[in-house]
PDB file of N, CA and C in Angstrom:
ATOM      1  N   MET A   1     -20.904 -25.428 -18.723  1.00  0.00           N
ATOM      2  CA  MET A   1     -21.015 -25.363 -16.962  1.00  0.00           C
ATOM      3  C   MET A   1     -19.538 -24.163 -17.104  1.00  0.00           C
ATOM      4  N   SER A   2     -20.310 -22.926 -16.066  1.00  0.00           N
ATOM      5  CA  SER A   2     -18.950 -21.907 -15.844  1.00  0.00           C
ATOM      6  C   SER A   2     -18.263 -22.548 -14.831  1.00  0.00           C
ATOM      7  N   LYS A   3     -17.011 -21.271 -15.431  1.00  0.00           N
ATOM      8  CA  LYS A   3     -15.741 -21.284 -14.529  1.00  0.00           C
ATOM      9  C   LYS A   3     -15.926 -21.107 -13.116  1.00  0.00           C
ATOM     10  N   ARG A   4     -15.987 -21.283 -11.935  1.00  0.00           N
ATOM     11  CA  ARG A   4     -16.252 -20.584 -10.307  1.00  0.00           C
ATOM     12  C   ARG A   4     -15.299 -19.553 -10.347  1.00  0.00           C
ATOM     13  N   LYS A   5     -15.608 -18.926  -9.758  1.00  0.00           N
ATOM     14  CA  LYS A   5     -14.796 -17.530  -9.855  1.00  0.00           C
ATOM     15  C   LYS A   5     -14.385 -17.731  -7.973  1.00  0.00           C
ATOM     16  N   THR A   6     -12.979 -16.898  -8.330  1.00  0.00           N
ATOM     17  CA  THR A   6     -12.015 -16.955  -7.253  1.00  0.00           C
ATOM     18  C   THR A   6     -12.600 -16.156  -6.425  1.00  0.00           C
ATOM     19  N   PHE A   7     -11.840 -16.296  -4.983  1.00  0.00           N
ATOM     20  CA  PHE A   7     -12.675 -15.198  -3.613  1.00  0.00           C
ATOM     21  C   PHE A   7     -11.748 -13.846  -4.497  1.00  0.00           C
ATOM     22  N   VAL A   8     -10.624 -13.873  -4.884  1.00  0.00           N
ATOM     23  CA  VAL A   8     -10.254 -12.695  -5.545  1.00  0.00           C
ATOM     24  C   VAL A   8     -11.018 -12.031  -6.457  1.00  0.00           C
ATOM     25  N   GLU A   9     -11.262 -12.802  -7.998  1.00  0.00           N
ATOM     26  CA  GLU A   9     -12.293 -12.008  -8.686  1.00  0.00           C
ATOM     27  C   GLU A   9     -13.581 -11.470  -8.344  1.00  0.00           C
ATOM     28  N   ARG A  10     -13.875 -12.458  -6.840  1.00  0.00           N
ATOM     29  CA  ARG A  10     -15.453 -12.078  -6.267  1.00  0.00           C
ATOM     30  C   ARG A  10     -15.090 -10.491  -5.326  1.00  0.00           C
ATOM     31  N   VAL A  11     -14.231 -10.598  -4.999  1.00  0.00           N
ATOM     32  CA  VAL A  11     -13.875  -9.075  -4.517  1.00  0.00           C
ATOM     33  C   VAL A  11     -13.325  -8.096  -5.289  1.00  0.00           C
ATOM     34  N   LEU A  12     -12.647  -8.288  -6.050  1.00  0.00           N
ATOM     35  CA  LEU A  12     -12.761  -7.110  -7.217  1.00  0.00           C
ATOM     36  C   LEU A  12     -14.043  -6.638  -8.164  1.00  0.00           C
ATOM     37  N   ASP A  13     -15.170  -7.942  -7.935  1.00  0.00           N
ATOM     38  CA  ASP A  13     -15.895  -7.018  -8.628  1.00  0.00           C
ATOM     39  C   ASP A  13     -17.330  -6.964  -7.676  1.00  0.00           C
ATOM     40  N   GLY A  14     -16.638  -6.490  -6.605  1.00  0.00           N
ATOM     41  CA  GLY A  14     -17.688  -6.298  -5.654  1.00  0.00           C
ATOM     42  C   GLY A  14     -18.816  -7.307  -5.181  1.00  0.00           C
ATOM     43  N   GLU A  15     -18.599  -8.560  -5.410  1.00  0.00           N
ATOM     44  CA  GLU A  15     -19.631  -9.333  -4.627  1.00  0.00           C
ATOM     45  C   GLU A  15     -19.254  -9.928  -3.219  1.00  0.00           C
ATOM     46  N   ILE A  16     -17.952  -9.539  -2.904  1.00  0.00           N
ATOM     47  CA  ILE A  16     -17.582  -9.753  -1.580  1.00  0.00           C
ATOM     48  C   ILE A  16     -17.086  -8.377  -1.222  1.00  0.00           C
ATOM     49  N   LEU A  17     -17.667  -7.981   0.019  1.00  0.00           N
ATOM     50  CA  LEU A  17     -16.790  -7.216   0.340  1.00  0.00           C
ATOM     51  C   LEU A  17     -16.299  -7.428   2.008  1.00  0.00           C
ATOM     52  N   ASP A  18     -16.412  -8.669   2.765  1.00  0.00           N
ATOM     53  CA  ASP A  18     -16.168  -8.516   4.394  1.00  0.00           C
ATOM     54  C   ASP A  18     -14.882  -9.690   3.817  1.00  0.00           C
ATOM     55  N   LEU A  19     -13.656  -8.882   3.632  1.00  0.00           N
ATOM     56  CA  LEU A  19     -12.650 -10.042   3.201  1.00  0.00           C
ATOM     57  C   LEU A  19     -12.475 -10.971   4.308  1.00  0.00           C
ATOM     58  N   ASP A  20     -12.862 -10.797   5.678  1.00  0.00           N
ATOM     59  CA  ASP A  20     -13.176 -12.175   6.559  1.00  0.00           C
ATOM     60  C   ASP A  20     -13.496 -13.415   6.275  1.00  0.00           C
ATOM     61  N   THR A  21     -14.485 -13.437   5.430  1.00  0.00           N
ATOM     62  CA  THR A  21     -14.848 -14.494   4.415  1.00  0.00           C
ATOM     63  C   THR A  21     -14.143 -15.413   3.375  1.00  0.00           C
ATOM     64  N   ILE A  22     -12.723 -14.840   3.656  1.00  0.00           N
ATOM     65  CA  ILE A  22     -11.462 -15.600   2.952  1.00  0.00           C
ATOM     66  C   ILE A  22     -11.277 -16.703   3.916  1.00  0.00           C
ATOM     67  N   ASP A  23     -11.548 -16.654   4.770  1.00  0.00           N
ATOM     68  CA  ASP A  23     -11.643 -18.335   6.246  1.00  0.00           C
ATOM     69  C   ASP A  23     -12.849 -19.397   5.451  1.00  0.00           C
ATOM     70  N   ASP A  24     -13.882 -18.364   5.041  1.00  0.00           N
ATOM     71  CA  ASP A  24     -15.053 -19.554   4.443  1.00  0.00           C
ATOM     72  C   ASP A  24     -14.676 -20.208   3.306  1.00  0.00           C
ATOM     73  N   GLU A  25     -13.412 -19.660   2.276  1.00  0.00           N
ATOM     74  CA  GLU A  25     -13.268 -20.331   1.193  1.00  0.00           C
ATOM     75  C   GLU A  25     -11.990 -20.809   1.270  1.00  0.00           C
ATOM     76  N   ILE A  26     -11.516 -20.698   2.262  1.00  0.00           N
ATOM     77  CA  ILE A  26     -10.109 -22.022   2.885  1.00  0.00           C
ATOM     78  C   ILE A  26     -10.976 -23.106   3.337  1.00  0.00           C
ATOM     79  N   ASP A  27     -12.311 -23.051   4.218  1.00  0.00           N
ATOM     80  CA  ASP A  27     -12.780 -23.984   4.530  1.00  0.00           C
ATOM     81  C   ASP A  27     -13.166 -24.795   3.272  1.00  0.00           C
ATOM     82  N   ALA A  28     -13.854 -24.024   2.018  1.00  0.00           N
ATOM     83  CA  ALA A  28     -14.516 -24.585   1.222  1.00  0.00           C
ATOM     84  C   ALA A  28     -13.689 -25.694   0.757  1.00  0.00           C
ATOM     85  N   TRP A  29     -12.212 -24.863   0.077  1.00  0.00           N
ATOM     86  CA  TRP A  29     -11.198 -25.921  -0.766  1.00  0.00           C
ATOM     87  C   TRP A  29     -11.208 -27.155  -0.008  1.00  0.00           C
ATOM     88  N   HIS A  30     -10.916 -26.960   1.303  1.00  0.00           N
ATOM     89  CA  HIS A  30     -10.633 -28.168   2.266  1.00  0.00           C
ATOM     90  C   HIS A  30     -11.839 -29.028   2.097  1.00  0.00           C
ATOM     91  N   GLU A  31     -12.984 -28.930   1.744  1.00  0.00           N
ATOM     92  CA  GLU A  31     -14.088 -29.802   2.016  1.00  0.00           C
ATOM     93  C   GLU A  31     -14.549 -30.320   0.271  1.00  0.00           C
ATOM     94  N   SER A  32     -13.929 -29.296  -0.820  1.00  0.00           N
ATOM     95  CA  SER A  32     -14.192 -29.608  -1.915  1.00  0.00           C
ATOM     96  C   SER A  32     -13.466 -30.974  -2.393  1.00  0.00           C
ATOM     97  N   ASP A  33     -13.270 -31.445  -3.444  1.00  0.00           N
ATOM     98  CA  ASP A  33     -12.508 -32.053  -4.679  1.00  0.00           C
ATOM     99  C   ASP A  33     -11.571 -32.265  -5.563  1.00  0.00           C
ATOM    100  N   ALA A  34     -11.054 -30.080  -5.001  1.00  0.00           N
ATOM    101  CA  ALA A  34     -10.670 -29.472  -6.160  1.00  0.00           C
ATOM    102  C   ALA A  34      -9.417 -29.839  -6.652  1.00  0.00           C
ATOM    103  N   ASP A  35      -8.389 -30.040  -7.882  1.00  0.00           N
ATOM    104  CA  ASP A  35      -7.543 -30.618  -8.248  1.00  0.00           C
ATOM    105  C   ASP A  35      -6.459 -29.336  -8.199  1.00  0.00           C
ATOM    106  N   CYS A  36      -7.004 -27.980  -7.879  1.00  0.00           N
ATOM    107  CA  CYS A  36      -5.999 -26.815  -7.810  1.00  0.00           C
ATOM    108  C   CYS A  36      -5.421 -26.866  -6.092  1.00  0.00           C
ATOM    109  N   PRO A  37      -4.400 -25.994  -6.176  1.00  0.00           N
ATOM    110  CA  PRO A  37      -3.530 -25.486  -5.134  1.00  0.00           C
ATOM    111  C   PRO A  37      -4.704 -24.585  -4.585  1.00  0.00           C
ATOM    112  N   LEU A  38      -4.322 -24.094  -3.288  1.00  0.00           N
ATOM    113  CA  LEU A  38      -5.350 -23.393  -2.427  1.00  0.00           C
ATOM    114  C   LEU A  38      -5.183 -21.855  -2.918  1.00  0.00           C
ATOM    115  N   HIS A  39      -4.076 -21.406  -3.367  1.00  0.00           N
ATOM    116  CA  HIS A  39      -3.158 -20.339  -3.208  1.00  0.00           C
ATOM    117  C   HIS A  39      -4.178 -20.602  -5.036  1.00  0.00           C
ATOM    118  N   GLU A  40      -4.164 -20.977  -5.675  1.00  0.00           N
ATOM    119  CA  GLU A  40      -5.142 -20.948  -6.992  1.00  0.00           C
ATOM    120  C   GLU A  40      -6.251 -20.733  -7.128  1.00  0.00           C
ATOM    121  N   TRP A  41      -6.824 -21.510  -6.069  1.00  0.00           N
ATOM    122  CA  TRP A  41      -8.258 -21.544  -5.681  1.00  0.00           C
ATOM    123  C   TRP A  41      -8.721 -20.481  -5.239  1.00  0.00           C
ATOM    124  N   LEU A  42      -8.102 -19.748  -4.447  1.00  0.00           N
ATOM    125  CA  LEU A  42      -8.334 -18.220  -4.141  1.00  0.00           C
ATOM    126  C   LEU A  42      -8.423 -16.870  -4.801  1.00  0.00           C
ATOM    127  N   GLY A  43      -7.155 -17.062  -6.053  1.00  0.00           N
ATOM    128  CA  GLY A  43      -6.336 -16.484  -7.073  1.00  0.00           C
ATOM    129  C   GLY A  43      -5.812 -15.715  -6.414  1.00  0.00           C
ATOM    130  N   LEU A  44      -4.852 -16.302  -5.716  1.00  0.00           N
ATOM    131  CA  LEU A  44      -3.431 -15.616  -5.698  1.00  0.00           C
ATOM    132  C   LEU A  44      -2.191 -16.468  -6.308  1.00  0.00           C
ATOM    133  N   THR A  45      -1.173 -15.614  -6.360  1.00  0.00           N
ATOM    134  CA  THR A  45      -0.209 -16.267  -6.589  1.00  0.00           C
ATOM    135  C   THR A  45       0.470 -16.764  -5.449  1.00  0.00           C
ATOM    136  N   ARG A  46       1.640 -17.563  -5.671  1.00  0.00           N
ATOM    137  CA  ARG A  46       1.937 -18.548  -4.583  1.00  0.00           C
ATOM    138  C   ARG A  46       3.175 -17.113  -3.606  1.00  0.00           C
ATOM    139  N   ASP A  47       3.609 -16.193  -3.970  1.00  0.00           N
ATOM    140  CA  ASP A  47       4.315 -15.419  -3.085  1.00  0.00           C
ATOM    141  C   ASP A  47       3.097 -14.812  -2.278  1.00  0.00           C
ATOM    142  N   GLU A  48       1.932 -14.475  -3.186  1.00  0.00           N
ATOM    143  CA  GLU A  48       0.872 -13.697  -2.281  1.00  0.00           C
ATOM    144  C   GLU A  48       0.250 -14.197  -1.226  1.00  0.00           C
ATOM    145  N   TYR A  49       0.013 -15.673  -1.352  1.00  0.00           N
ATOM    146  CA  TYR A  49      -0.279 -16.455  -0.613  1.00  0.00           C
ATOM    147  C   TYR A  49       0.461 -16.474   0.635  1.00  0.00           C
ATOM    148  N   ALA A  50       1.784 -16.763   0.375  1.00  0.00           N
ATOM    149  CA  ALA A  50       2.184 -17.052   1.196  1.00  0.00           C
ATOM    150  C   ALA A  50       3.123 -15.286   1.954  1.00  0.00           C
ATOM    151  N   LEU A  51       2.589 -14.543   1.610  1.00  0.00           N
ATOM    152  CA  LEU A  51       2.590 -12.981   2.081  1.00  0.00           C
ATOM    153  C   LEU A  51       1.163 -13.182   3.044  1.00  0.00           C
ATOM    154  N   PHE A  52       0.049 -13.635   2.626  1.00  0.00           N
ATOM    155  CA  PHE A  52      -1.107 -13.527   3.107  1.00  0.00           C
ATOM    156  C   PHE A  52      -0.983 -14.581   4.475  1.00  0.00           C
ATOM    157  N   VAL A  53      -0.473 -15.641   4.763  1.00  0.00           N
ATOM    158  CA  VAL A  53      -0.275 -16.501   5.437  1.00  0.00           C
ATOM    159  C   VAL A  53       0.762 -16.123   6.245  1.00  0.00           C
ATOM    160  N   GLU A  54       1.300 -15.366   6.205  1.00  0.00           N
ATOM    161  CA  GLU A  54       2.605 -14.805   7.336  1.00  0.00           C
ATOM    162  C   GLU A  54       2.133 -13.496   8.177  1.00  0.00           C
ATOM    163  N   LYS A  55       1.260 -12.743   6.810  1.00  0.00           N
ATOM    164  CA  LYS A  55       0.605 -11.188   7.787  1.00  0.00           C
ATOM    165  C   LYS A  55      -0.387 -11.025   6.783  1.00  0.00           C
ATOM    166  N   PRO A  56      -1.876 -11.773   7.549  1.00  0.00           N
ATOM    167  CA  PRO A  56      -2.950 -11.705   7.207  1.00  0.00           C
ATOM    168  C   PRO A  56      -3.592 -10.646   6.647  1.00  0.00           C
ATOM    169  N   GLU A  57      -2.894  -9.198   6.971  1.00  0.00           N
ATOM    170  CA  GLU A  57      -3.148  -7.744   7.590  1.00  0.00           C
ATOM    171  C   GLU A  57      -3.039  -7.459   6.130  1.00  0.00           C
ATOM    172  N   ALA A  58      -1.995  -8.066   4.998  1.00  0.00           N
ATOM    173  CA  ALA A  58      -1.621  -7.501   3.836  1.00  0.00           C
ATOM    174  C   ALA A  58      -2.662  -8.054   3.021  1.00  0.00           C
ATOM    175  N   LEU A  59      -3.357  -8.329   3.074  1.00  0.00           N
ATOM    176  CA  LEU A  59      -4.708  -9.153   2.248  1.00  0.00           C
ATOM    177  C   LEU A  59      -5.238  -7.470   1.285  1.00  0.00           C
ATOM    178  N   ARG A  60      -5.320  -6.655   2.038  1.00  0.00           N
ATOM    179  CA  ARG A  60      -6.452  -5.556   1.541  1.00  0.00           C
ATOM    180  C   ARG A  60      -4.938  -5.186   0.685  1.00  0.00           C
ATOM    181  N   THR A  61      -3.942  -5.272   0.775  1.00  0.00           N
ATOM    182  CA  THR A  61      -2.842  -4.403  -0.069  1.00  0.00           C
ATOM    183  C   THR A  61      -2.454  -5.182  -1.437  1.00  0.00           C
ATOM    184  N   ILE A  62      -2.554  -6.242  -1.298  1.00  0.00           N
ATOM    185  CA  ILE A  62      -2.438  -7.575  -2.533  1.00  0.00           C
ATOM    186  C   ILE A  62      -3.710  -7.448  -2.851  1.00  0.00           C
ATOM    187  N   LEU A  63      -4.938  -7.188  -2.804  1.00  0.00           N
ATOM    188  CA  LEU A  63      -6.103  -6.777  -3.548  1.00  0.00           C
ATOM    189  C   LEU A  63      -5.978  -5.190  -4.024  1.00  0.00           C
ATOM    190  N   MET A  64      -5.269  -4.429  -3.731  1.00  0.00           N
ATOM    191  CA  MET A  64      -5.107  -2.958  -4.536  1.00  0.00           C
ATOM    192  C   MET A  64      -4.221  -3.509  -5.187  1.00  0.00           C
ATOM    193  N   ALA A  65      -3.410  -4.015  -5.079  1.00  0.00           N
ATOM    194  CA  ALA A  65      -1.880  -4.304  -6.202  1.00  0.00           C
ATOM    195  C   ALA A  65      -2.971  -5.003  -7.451  1.00  0.00           C
ATOM    196  N   LYS A  66      -3.481  -6.019  -7.445  1.00  0.00           N
ATOM    197  CA  LYS A  66      -4.161  -6.895  -7.989  1.00  0.00           C
ATOM    198  C   LYS A  66      -5.372  -5.743  -9.028  1.00  0.00           C
ATOM    199  N   ARG A  67      -6.067  -5.142  -7.977  1.00  0.00           N
ATOM    200  CA  ARG A  67      -7.392  -4.167  -8.948  1.00  0.00           C
ATOM    201  C   ARG A  67      -6.481  -3.124  -9.681  1.00  0.00           C
ATOM    202  N   HIS A  68      -5.461  -2.535  -9.818  1.00  0.00           N
ATOM    203  CA  HIS A  68      -4.282  -1.971 -10.249  1.00  0.00           C
ATOM    204  C   HIS A  68      -3.989  -2.227 -11.056  1.00  0.00           C
ATOM    205  N   GLY A  69      -3.693  -3.535 -10.792  1.00  0.00           N
ATOM    206  CA  GLY A  69      -2.370  -4.466 -12.121  1.00  0.00           C
ATOM    207  C   GLY A  69      -1.084  -3.775 -12.068  1.00  0.00           C
ATOM    208  N   ILE A  70      -0.930  -3.460 -10.479  1.00  0.00           N
ATOM    209  CA  ILE A  70       0.483  -3.139  -9.996  1.00  0.00           C
ATOM    210  C   ILE A  70       0.919  -4.785  -9.358  1.00  0.00           C
ATOM    211  N   PRO A  71       2.185  -4.778 -10.134  1.00  0.00           N
ATOM    212  CA  PRO A  71       2.765  -5.849  -9.228  1.00  0.00           C
ATOM    213  C   PRO A  71       3.083  -5.308  -7.736  1.00  0.00           C
ATOM    214  N   LEU A  72       2.842  -6.659  -6.744  1.00  0.00           N
ATOM    215  CA  LEU A  72       3.039  -6.215  -5.274  1.00  0.00           C
ATOM    216  C   LEU A  72       4.530  -5.458  -5.335  1.00  0.00           C
ATOM    217  N   LYS A  73       5.604  -6.073  -5.517  1.00  0.00           N
ATOM    218  CA  LYS A  73       6.945  -5.552  -5.382  1.00  0.00           C
ATOM    219  C   LYS A  73       7.187  -4.127  -5.713  1.00  0.00           C
ATOM    220  N   GLN A  74       6.377  -4.017  -6.742  1.00  0.00           N
ATOM    221  CA  GLN A  74       6.482  -2.425  -7.567  1.00  0.00           C
ATOM    222  C   GLN A  74       5.196  -1.764  -5.951  1.00  0.00           C
ATOM    223  N   LEU A  75       4.283  -1.799  -5.925  1.00  0.00           N
ATOM    224  CA  LEU A  75       3.407  -1.406  -4.785  1.00  0.00           C
ATOM    225  C   LEU A  75       4.073  -1.190  -3.856  1.00  0.00           C
ATOM    226  N   VAL A  76       4.450  -1.848  -3.305  1.00  0.00           N
ATOM    227  CA  VAL A  76       5.287  -1.550  -1.608  1.00  0.00           C
ATOM    228  C   VAL A  76       6.816  -1.589  -1.723  1.00  0.00           C
ATOM    229  N   GLY A  77       7.125  -0.415  -2.937  1.00  0.00           N
ATOM    230  CA  GLY A  77       8.353   0.063  -2.999  1.00  0.00           C
ATOM    231  C   GLY A  77       8.211   1.336  -3.536  1.00  0.00           C
ATOM    232  N   ILE A  78       6.862   1.511  -2.627  1.00  0.00           N
ATOM    233  CA  ILE A  78       7.061   2.970  -2.847  1.00  0.00           C
ATOM    234  C   ILE A  78       7.443   3.808  -2.100  1.00  0.00           C
ATOM    235  N   THR A  79       7.833   5.721  -2.972  1.00  0.00           N
ATOM    236  CA  THR A  79       8.572   6.458  -2.186  1.00  0.00           C
ATOM    237  C   THR A  79       7.718   7.084  -1.263  1.00  0.00           C
ATOM    238  N   ALA A  80       8.551   7.875  -0.366  1.00  0.00           N
ATOM    239  CA  ALA A  80       7.960   8.697   0.798  1.00  0.00           C
ATOM    240  C   ALA A  80       6.961   9.627   0.132  1.00  0.00           C
ATOM    241  N   ALA A  81       7.075  10.228  -1.130  1.00  0.00           N
ATOM    242  CA  ALA A  81       6.457  10.922  -1.172  1.00  0.00           C
ATOM    243  C   ALA A  81       4.583  10.338  -1.426  1.00  0.00           C
ATOM    244  N   SER A  82       4.560   9.235  -2.117  1.00  0.00           N
ATOM    245  CA  SER A  82       3.635   8.652  -2.382  1.00  0.00           C
ATOM    246  C   SER A  82       3.324   7.844  -1.776  1.00  0.00           C
ATOM    247  N   ALA A  83       3.289   7.591  -0.067  1.00  0.00           N
ATOM    248  CA  ALA A  83       2.806   6.837   1.055  1.00  0.00           C
ATOM    249  C   ALA A  83       1.984   7.933   1.044  1.00  0.00           C
ATOM    250  N   LEU A  84       1.436   9.066   1.006  1.00  0.00           N
ATOM    251  CA  LEU A  84       0.372   9.679   1.264  1.00  0.00           C
ATOM    252  C   LEU A  84      -0.668   8.700   0.306  1.00  0.00           C
ATOM    253  N   ALA A  85      -0.617   8.910  -0.881  1.00  0.00           N
ATOM    254  CA  ALA A  85      -1.654   8.509  -2.264  1.00  0.00           C
ATOM    255  C   ALA A  85      -2.392   6.903  -2.042  1.00  0.00           C
ATOM    256  N   LEU A  86      -1.449   6.032  -1.430  1.00  0.00           N
ATOM    257  CA  LEU A  86      -1.591   4.864  -1.208  1.00  0.00           C
ATOM    258  C   LEU A  86      -2.174   4.714   0.417  1.00  0.00           C
ATOM    259  N   ALA A  87      -1.734   5.719   1.790  1.00  0.00           N
ATOM    260  CA  ALA A  87      -2.767   5.272   2.222  1.00  0.00           C
ATOM    261  C   ALA A  87      -3.686   5.471   2.176  1.00  0.00           C
ATOM    262  N   ALA A  88      -4.501   6.667   1.316  1.00  0.00           N
ATOM    263  CA  ALA A  88      -5.565   7.354   0.610  1.00  0.00           C
ATOM    264  C   ALA A  88      -6.597   5.839  -0.453  1.00  0.00           C
ATOM    265  N   ARG A  89      -5.628   4.939  -0.496  1.00  0.00           N
ATOM    266  CA  ARG A  89      -6.527   4.175  -0.866  1.00  0.00           C
ATOM    267  C   ARG A  89      -6.595   2.554  -0.014  1.00  0.00           C
ATOM    268  N   GLY A  90      -6.295   3.266   1.121  1.00  0.00           N
ATOM    269  CA  GLY A  90      -6.612   1.663   2.115  1.00  0.00           C
ATOM    270  C   GLY A  90      -5.416   1.166   2.613  1.00  0.00           C
ATOM    271  N   THR A  91      -4.560   1.541   2.526  1.00  0.00           N
ATOM    272  CA  THR A  91      -3.055   0.623   2.855  1.00  0.00           C
ATOM    273  C   THR A  91      -2.124   2.173   3.450  1.00  0.00           C
ATOM    274  N   SER A  92      -1.603   1.732   4.561  1.00  0.00           N
ATOM    275  CA  SER A  92      -1.181   2.431   5.318  1.00  0.00           C
ATOM    276  C   SER A  92       0.417   2.015   4.680  1.00  0.00           C
ATOM    277  N   PRO A  93       1.092   3.317   5.223  1.00  0.00           N
ATOM    278  CA  PRO A  93       2.484   3.165   5.054  1.00  0.00           C
ATOM    279  C   PRO A  93       3.252   2.528   5.589  1.00  0.00           C
ATOM    280  N   ALA A  94       2.745   2.252   6.994  1.00  0.00           N
ATOM    281  CA  ALA A  94       3.379   0.969   8.078  1.00  0.00           C
ATOM    282  C   ALA A  94       3.198  -0.139   7.048  1.00  0.00           C
ATOM    283  N   GLU A  95       1.502  -0.365   6.905  1.00  0.00           N
ATOM    284  CA  GLU A  95       1.429  -1.373   6.017  1.00  0.00           C
ATOM    285  C   GLU A  95       2.511  -1.962   4.767  1.00  0.00           C
ATOM    286  N   ALA A  96       2.837  -0.923   4.019  1.00  0.00           N
ATOM    287  CA  ALA A  96       3.454  -1.076   2.828  1.00  0.00           C
ATOM    288  C   ALA A  96       4.865  -1.705   3.263  1.00  0.00           C
ATOM    289  N   GLU A  97       5.426  -0.650   4.402  1.00  0.00           N
ATOM    290  CA  GLU A  97       6.877  -0.979   4.372  1.00  0.00           C
ATOM    291  C   GLU A  97       6.854  -2.169   5.426  1.00  0.00           C
ATOM    292  N   ALA A  98       6.241  -2.828   6.282  1.00  0.00           N
ATOM    293  CA  ALA A  98       6.084  -3.935   6.702  1.00  0.00           C
ATOM    294  C   ALA A  98       5.984  -5.107   5.551  1.00  0.00           C
ATOM    295  N   ILE A  99       5.397  -4.997   4.387  1.00  0.00           N
ATOM    296  CA  ILE A  99       5.451  -5.750   3.351  1.00  0.00           C
ATOM    297  C   ILE A  99       6.484  -6.040   2.682  1.00  0.00           C
ATOM    298  N   ARG A 100       7.262  -5.091   2.211  1.00  0.00           N
ATOM    299  CA  ARG A 100       8.672  -4.417   1.889  1.00  0.00           C
ATOM    300  C   ARG A 100      10.248  -5.429   2.453  1.00  0.00           C
ATOM    301  N   LYS A 101       9.557  -4.923   3.944  1.00  0.00           N
ATOM    302  CA  LYS A 101      10.610  -5.869   4.624  1.00  0.00           C
ATOM    303  C   LYS A 101      10.347  -7.244   4.546  1.00  0.00           C
ATOM    304  N   TRP A 102       9.082  -7.886   4.615  1.00  0.00           N
ATOM    305  CA  TRP A 102       9.232  -8.985   4.360  1.00  0.00           C
ATOM    306  C   TRP A 102       9.490  -9.945   3.080  1.00  0.00           C
ATOM    307  N   LEU A 103       9.190  -9.117   2.191  1.00  0.00           N
ATOM    308  CA  LEU A 103       9.806  -9.505   0.947  1.00  0.00           C
ATOM    309  C   LEU A 103      11.141  -9.137   0.339  1.00  0.00           C
ATOM    310  N   GLU A 104      12.069  -8.393   1.201  1.00  0.00           N
ATOM    311  CA  GLU A 104      13.388  -8.400   1.054  1.00  0.00           C
ATOM    312  C   GLU A 104      13.769  -9.569   1.958  1.00  0.00           C
ATOM    313  N   GLN A 105      13.114 -10.197   3.519  1.00  0.00           N
ATOM    314  CA  GLN A 105      13.307 -11.151   4.081  1.00  0.00           C
ATOM    315  C   GLN A 105      13.326 -12.470   3.581  1.00  0.00           C
ATOM    316  N   THR A 106      12.276 -12.746   2.381  1.00  0.00           N
ATOM    317  CA  THR A 106      12.314 -13.735   2.498  1.00  0.00           C
ATOM    318  C   THR A 106      12.724 -13.780   0.762  1.00  0.00           C
ATOM    319  N   ASN A 107      13.867 -12.975   0.107  1.00  0.00           N
ATOM    320  CA  ASN A 107      14.465 -12.436  -0.798  1.00  0.00           C
ATOM    321  C   ASN A 107      13.222 -12.682  -1.902  1.00  0.00           C
ATOM    322  N   ARG A 108      11.980 -12.208  -1.973  1.00  0.00           N
ATOM    323  CA  ARG A 108      11.126 -11.908  -3.118  1.00  0.00           C
ATOM    324  C   ARG A 108      11.277 -10.377  -3.414  1.00  0.00           C
ATOM    325  N   LEU A 109      12.137  -9.737  -2.914  1.00  0.00           N
ATOM    326  CA  LEU A 109      12.538  -8.599  -3.796  1.00  0.00           C
ATOM    327  C   LEU A 109      13.824  -7.894  -3.380  1.00  0.00           C
TER     328      LEU A 109
END
């Protein structure tokens, strides 16, 4: 039996293009008899899931960090000079700043 791919794995593999389907994945977890926490079912760390719950718009940034193998804390700790490159990859500087502030407020950064 093969291991079920997480939501994150399927997004990064290009199998899921609509990020709003994460809601369907959450429903599937509730309906399953899974013995893992929801964040693991989705393929997120506890901190990534906490950020997603408080700021769902951060999902793109979380996925970008995972795609590039960059810790989320490092990704949002960008300098002004690199903000344009980040925006070109799908994350606005304002979104990155909001995530950085959330990480600081929750003592994760």
